[in-house]
């Protein structure tokens, strides 16, 4: 079935990459997120915003099945990727994560050289080329992350030798080295200084020409700068004293910030709560 998804992906791009249908997310018996339905378009940046604990990162991690690593996690409903339910029993989550890459909140280079950080993914995915072809792939990936000119003379140095912003771009280069279609970013700039944040934002806007990007951000100004579409998640208290997240509104970013339909959305984007 993964092969069917791959074949479909390689055909003409559809108008929707992900279609989430009536999704409820549980950790054991605790319902963390309820009633999420939305469609994410290709080659655009979609941002998830909302207060802490509303389910933004939980939904993001469902898109490449990272939540599967949590034993008590399960969901109901469907998450369709080019029309195929990612949670069908015959779908390989490892293949899902190759096609749908992830960049985390804090830069997390591998304890390897800059070169081997990029080469690692292609190698474990069965890269068949020779050394020259791998060299070219590493260079191409670093160029896509706008990092090549800064590291081309120190590829054999540790990834940890780079600054925080450079490390995050290295992680983005590592994600795109396996040629995914989608790149998920979970607050990719929260640990970075303003100059590094600007570079990552510029990079995201360049990358959307080739990739579909979904980001979680607490920075509403960042969402207005880079996102084509924005989903606002909110949360309500439960009888047990917890809270459950839900999708309050999803629209073009300019509508979410300039003409929101829901009162909660307006209150959040104007800073009245959150």
Protein backbone atom coordinates (compact mmCIF):
# COMPACT_ATOMS: atom_id res chain seq x y z
CA UNK A 1 0.00 0.00 0.00
CA UNK A 2 2.92 2.38 0.64
CA UNK A 3 3.94 1.81 -2.95
CA UNK A 4 0.49 2.97 -4.06
CA UNK A 5 0.94 6.15 -2.07
CA UNK A 6 4.38 6.64 -3.62
CA UNK A 7 3.05 6.17 -7.13
CA UNK A 8 0.23 8.60 -6.50
CA UNK A 9 2.63 11.16 -5.03
CA UNK A 10 4.83 10.97 -8.13
CA UNK A 11 1.90 11.72 -10.39
CA UNK A 12 0.43 15.18 -10.92
CA UNK A 13 0.16 16.99 -7.60
CA UNK A 14 -3.28 16.87 -6.04
CA UNK A 15 -4.98 19.91 -4.55
CA UNK A 16 -4.68 18.36 -1.08
CA UNK A 17 -1.70 16.65 0.52
CA UNK A 18 -3.38 15.81 3.83
CA UNK A 19 -7.08 15.45 4.54
CA UNK A 20 -7.87 15.01 8.23
CA UNK A 21 -11.36 13.62 8.83
CA UNK A 22 -13.11 13.67 12.22
CA UNK A 23 -9.93 12.98 14.16
CA UNK A 24 -9.99 12.34 17.92
CA UNK A 25 -6.66 11.68 19.66
CA UNK A 26 -6.28 9.72 22.88
CA UNK A 27 -3.55 8.89 25.37
CA UNK A 28 -5.03 5.85 27.05
CA UNK A 29 -8.59 6.81 27.98
CA UNK A 30 -7.77 10.53 28.03
CA UNK A 31 -9.02 12.41 24.96
CA UNK A 32 -6.39 15.06 24.19
CA UNK A 33 -7.80 16.44 20.94
CA UNK A 34 -11.27 16.16 19.43
CA UNK A 35 -13.11 16.67 16.14
CA UNK A 36 -10.29 17.83 13.87
CA UNK A 37 -11.10 18.04 10.16
CA UNK A 38 -8.97 20.03 7.73
CA UNK A 39 -7.21 19.88 4.36
CA UNK A 40 -3.59 20.89 3.86
CA UNK A 41 -2.62 22.03 0.35
CA UNK A 42 0.64 21.28 -1.47
CA UNK A 43 3.59 23.67 -1.82
CA UNK A 44 2.30 26.08 0.77
CA UNK A 45 3.21 26.82 4.38
CA UNK A 46 0.47 25.93 6.85
CA UNK A 47 0.91 27.15 10.42
CA UNK A 48 -0.69 25.76 13.58
CA UNK A 49 -1.17 28.39 16.28
CA UNK A 50 -2.90 28.41 19.64
CA UNK A 51 -2.30 28.42 23.41
CA UNK A 52 -0.19 25.76 25.14
CA UNK A 53 -1.91 22.43 25.56
CA UNK A 54 -4.36 22.82 22.68
CA UNK A 55 -3.00 19.96 20.57
CA UNK A 56 -0.91 21.71 17.90
CA UNK A 57 2.17 19.51 18.23
CA UNK A 58 0.05 16.42 18.81
CA UNK A 59 -1.71 16.90 15.47
CA UNK A 60 1.58 17.72 13.74
CA UNK A 61 3.16 14.48 14.96
CA UNK A 62 0.15 12.51 13.75
CA UNK A 63 0.99 13.57 10.20
CA UNK A 64 4.08 11.35 10.14
CA UNK A 65 3.04 8.87 12.84
CA UNK A 66 5.61 9.99 15.40
CA UNK A 67 2.98 9.62 18.11
CA UNK A 68 3.07 5.88 17.43
CA UNK A 69 6.21 5.86 19.58
CA UNK A 70 3.98 6.62 22.61
CA UNK A 71 2.54 3.31 23.74
CA UNK A 72 -0.81 4.63 25.00
CA UNK A 73 -1.50 6.79 21.93
CA UNK A 74 -4.32 6.01 19.53
CA UNK A 75 -6.64 7.95 17.27
CA UNK A 76 -10.01 7.60 15.66
CA UNK A 77 -11.02 9.10 12.35
CA UNK A 78 -8.72 9.30 9.34
CA UNK A 79 -5.58 11.12 8.24
CA UNK A 80 -5.40 10.79 4.47
CA UNK A 81 -2.16 11.40 2.58
CA UNK A 82 -2.95 11.71 -1.12
CA UNK A 83 -6.15 9.81 -0.41
CA UNK A 84 -4.54 6.93 1.52
CA UNK A 85 -5.18 6.56 5.24
CA UNK A 86 -1.78 6.78 6.96
CA UNK A 87 -3.11 4.63 9.81
CA UNK A 88 -4.19 1.66 7.71
CA UNK A 89 -2.72 -1.56 9.08
CA UNK A 90 -0.55 -2.21 6.00
CA UNK A 91 1.16 1.19 6.00
CA UNK A 92 4.82 1.17 7.06
CA UNK A 93 5.40 4.10 9.48
CA UNK A 94 9.13 4.15 8.63
CA UNK A 95 8.28 4.82 4.99
CA UNK A 96 5.77 7.45 6.10
CA UNK A 97 8.53 9.26 8.00
CA UNK A 98 10.81 9.16 4.98
CA UNK A 99 8.21 10.91 2.84
CA UNK A 100 7.13 13.26 5.62
CA UNK A 101 10.21 14.68 7.35
CA UNK A 102 10.42 16.39 10.73
CA UNK A 103 12.42 19.27 12.22
CA UNK A 104 12.16 19.64 15.98
CA UNK A 105 12.02 22.58 18.37
CA UNK A 106 15.67 22.46 19.38
CA UNK A 107 18.47 21.74 16.91
CA UNK A 108 19.46 18.09 17.28
CA UNK A 109 22.43 17.26 15.05
CA UNK A 110 23.69 13.71 15.24
CA UNK A 111 27.09 13.28 16.99
CA UNK A 112 28.71 13.00 13.57
CA UNK A 113 30.44 15.21 11.05
CA UNK A 114 28.45 17.75 9.08
CA UNK A 115 28.85 15.53 6.03
CA UNK A 116 27.67 12.38 7.82
CA UNK A 117 24.67 14.19 9.32
CA UNK A 118 23.41 14.67 5.76
CA UNK A 119 24.54 11.31 4.41
CA UNK A 120 23.05 9.27 7.25
CA UNK A 121 19.44 9.28 6.04
CA UNK A 122 20.16 8.35 2.42
CA UNK A 123 22.52 5.58 3.58
CA UNK A 124 20.00 3.90 5.88
CA UNK A 125 17.39 4.21 3.12
CA UNK A 126 19.57 2.21 0.74
CA UNK A 127 21.40 4.88 -1.26
CA UNK A 128 23.03 3.09 -4.20
CA UNK A 129 25.26 5.82 -5.62
CA UNK A 130 29.03 6.13 -5.46
CA UNK A 131 31.08 8.60 -3.44
CA UNK A 132 30.79 11.35 -6.05
CA UNK A 133 27.01 11.00 -6.11
CA UNK A 134 26.85 11.15 -2.32
CA UNK A 135 29.08 14.24 -2.36
CA UNK A 136 26.66 15.84 -4.79
CA UNK A 137 23.66 14.91 -2.65
CA UNK A 138 25.27 16.39 0.47
CA UNK A 139 26.11 19.60 -1.40
CA UNK A 140 22.62 19.84 -2.89
CA UNK A 141 20.94 19.34 0.50
CA UNK A 142 23.12 21.93 2.20
CA UNK A 143 22.44 24.39 -0.61
CA UNK A 144 18.69 23.86 -0.21
CA UNK A 145 19.13 24.76 3.46
CA UNK A 146 21.22 27.81 2.49
CA UNK A 147 24.12 26.45 4.52
CA UNK A 148 26.61 25.26 1.90
CA UNK A 149 28.67 28.44 1.66
CA UNK A 150 29.12 28.50 5.44
CA UNK A 151 30.24 24.87 5.86
CA UNK A 152 31.72 23.72 2.54
CA UNK A 153 35.27 23.96 3.89
CA UNK A 154 34.55 22.11 7.16
CA UNK A 155 32.35 19.17 6.19
CA UNK A 156 34.43 16.82 8.35
CA UNK A 157 33.92 18.89 11.49
CA UNK A 158 31.27 17.97 14.04
CA UNK A 159 27.75 19.24 13.54
CA UNK A 160 27.99 20.49 17.12
CA UNK A 161 30.67 22.98 16.03
CA UNK A 162 28.00 25.09 14.33
CA UNK A 163 25.98 27.90 15.90
CA UNK A 164 22.40 27.24 17.00
CA UNK A 165 20.90 28.70 13.84
CA UNK A 166 23.35 26.80 11.65
CA UNK A 167 22.57 23.58 13.51
CA UNK A 168 18.86 24.06 12.81
CA UNK A 169 19.56 24.60 9.12
CA UNK A 170 21.74 21.48 9.22
CA UNK A 171 18.75 19.58 10.60
CA UNK A 172 16.59 20.96 7.79
CA UNK A 173 19.25 19.88 5.26
CA UNK A 174 19.27 16.44 6.87
CA UNK A 175 15.47 16.23 6.57
CA UNK A 176 15.44 17.14 2.86
CA UNK A 177 18.38 14.84 1.99
CA UNK A 178 16.01 11.84 1.76
CA UNK A 179 13.82 13.81 -0.69
CA UNK A 180 10.56 13.97 1.27
CA UNK A 181 7.44 15.65 -0.06
CA UNK A 182 6.48 17.24 3.25
CA UNK A 183 8.57 18.88 5.97
CA UNK A 184 6.99 19.26 9.41
CA UNK A 185 8.51 21.84 11.76
CA UNK A 186 7.66 21.92 15.46
CA UNK A 187 8.49 25.44 16.66
CA UNK A 188 11.74 25.45 14.66
CA UNK A 189 12.77 28.95 15.76
CA UNK A 190 11.82 28.98 19.44
CA UNK A 191 15.42 28.35 20.59
CA UNK A 192 17.02 30.76 18.11
CA UNK A 193 18.01 34.42 18.17
CA UNK A 194 16.16 36.93 15.93
CA UNK A 195 18.78 36.88 13.14
CA UNK A 196 18.78 33.08 12.96
CA UNK A 197 14.96 33.11 13.09
CA UNK A 198 14.86 35.42 10.06
CA UNK A 199 17.16 33.07 8.13
CA UNK A 200 14.96 30.07 8.93
CA UNK A 201 11.85 31.99 7.87
CA UNK A 202 13.48 32.99 4.58
CA UNK A 203 14.51 29.38 4.09
CA UNK A 204 10.97 28.12 4.69
CA UNK A 205 9.63 30.47 2.04
CA UNK A 206 12.21 29.20 -0.45
CA UNK A 207 11.59 25.55 0.40
CA UNK A 208 7.84 25.73 -0.20
CA UNK A 209 8.52 25.81 -3.94
CA UNK A 210 9.60 22.16 -3.63
CA UNK A 211 8.02 20.98 -0.38
CA UNK A 212 4.78 21.24 1.53
CA UNK A 213 5.59 22.74 4.95
CA UNK A 214 3.56 22.55 8.15
CA UNK A 215 4.82 24.46 11.18
CA UNK A 216 3.76 24.80 14.79
CA UNK A 217 4.56 28.24 16.16
CA UNK A 218 3.77 30.30 19.25
CA UNK A 219 5.00 33.37 17.38
CA UNK A 220 1.97 34.91 15.71
CA UNK A 221 4.12 37.43 13.86
CA UNK A 222 6.00 34.51 12.36
CA UNK A 223 2.74 32.96 11.18
CA UNK A 224 1.73 36.22 9.49
CA UNK A 225 5.13 36.51 7.81
CA UNK A 226 5.50 33.03 6.38
CA UNK A 227 2.23 31.08 6.37
CA UNK A 228 -0.23 30.83 3.50
CA UNK A 229 -2.84 29.14 5.69
CA UNK A 230 -3.27 29.10 9.46
CA UNK A 231 -5.10 26.75 11.79
CA UNK A 232 -6.04 28.12 15.20
CA UNK A 233 -6.37 25.45 17.89
CA UNK A 234 -7.96 26.12 21.25
CA UNK A 235 -8.76 24.04 24.33
CA UNK A 236 -11.70 23.71 26.72
CA UNK A 237 -11.77 22.31 30.25
CA UNK A 238 -13.10 18.81 30.89
CA UNK A 239 -15.10 17.51 33.84
CA UNK A 240 -12.03 15.60 35.03
CA UNK A 241 -10.05 18.81 35.44
CA UNK A 242 -7.98 18.45 32.27
CA UNK A 243 -8.59 20.06 28.91
CA UNK A 244 -9.21 18.88 25.39
CA UNK A 245 -7.90 20.62 22.29
CA UNK A 246 -9.92 21.29 19.17
CA UNK A 247 -9.59 23.07 15.84
CA UNK A 248 -11.38 26.39 16.26
CA UNK A 249 -10.76 27.90 12.82
CA UNK A 250 -8.77 27.19 9.66
CA UNK A 251 -8.44 29.65 6.79
CA UNK A 252 -6.06 31.75 4.74
CA UNK A 253 -3.64 33.45 7.11
CA UNK A 254 -4.78 36.95 6.17
CA UNK A 255 -8.35 35.97 7.07
CA UNK A 256 -7.39 34.40 10.40
CA UNK A 257 -5.53 37.53 11.47
CA UNK A 258 -7.56 40.17 9.66
CA UNK A 259 -11.12 38.86 9.65
CA UNK A 260 -11.50 35.84 11.97
CA UNK A 261 -14.93 34.22 12.12
CA UNK A 262 -14.69 32.89 15.68
CA UNK A 263 -14.59 35.09 18.77
CA UNK A 264 -11.91 32.86 20.34
CA UNK A 265 -9.71 33.30 17.28
CA UNK A 266 -10.09 37.08 17.41
CA UNK A 267 -9.30 37.14 21.12
CA UNK A 268 -6.17 35.04 20.60
CA UNK A 269 -4.70 36.87 17.62
CA UNK A 270 -5.33 40.24 19.29
CA UNK A 271 -3.53 39.10 22.45
CA UNK A 272 -6.52 38.96 24.79
CA UNK A 273 -5.56 35.47 25.92
CA UNK A 274 -2.92 32.84 25.25
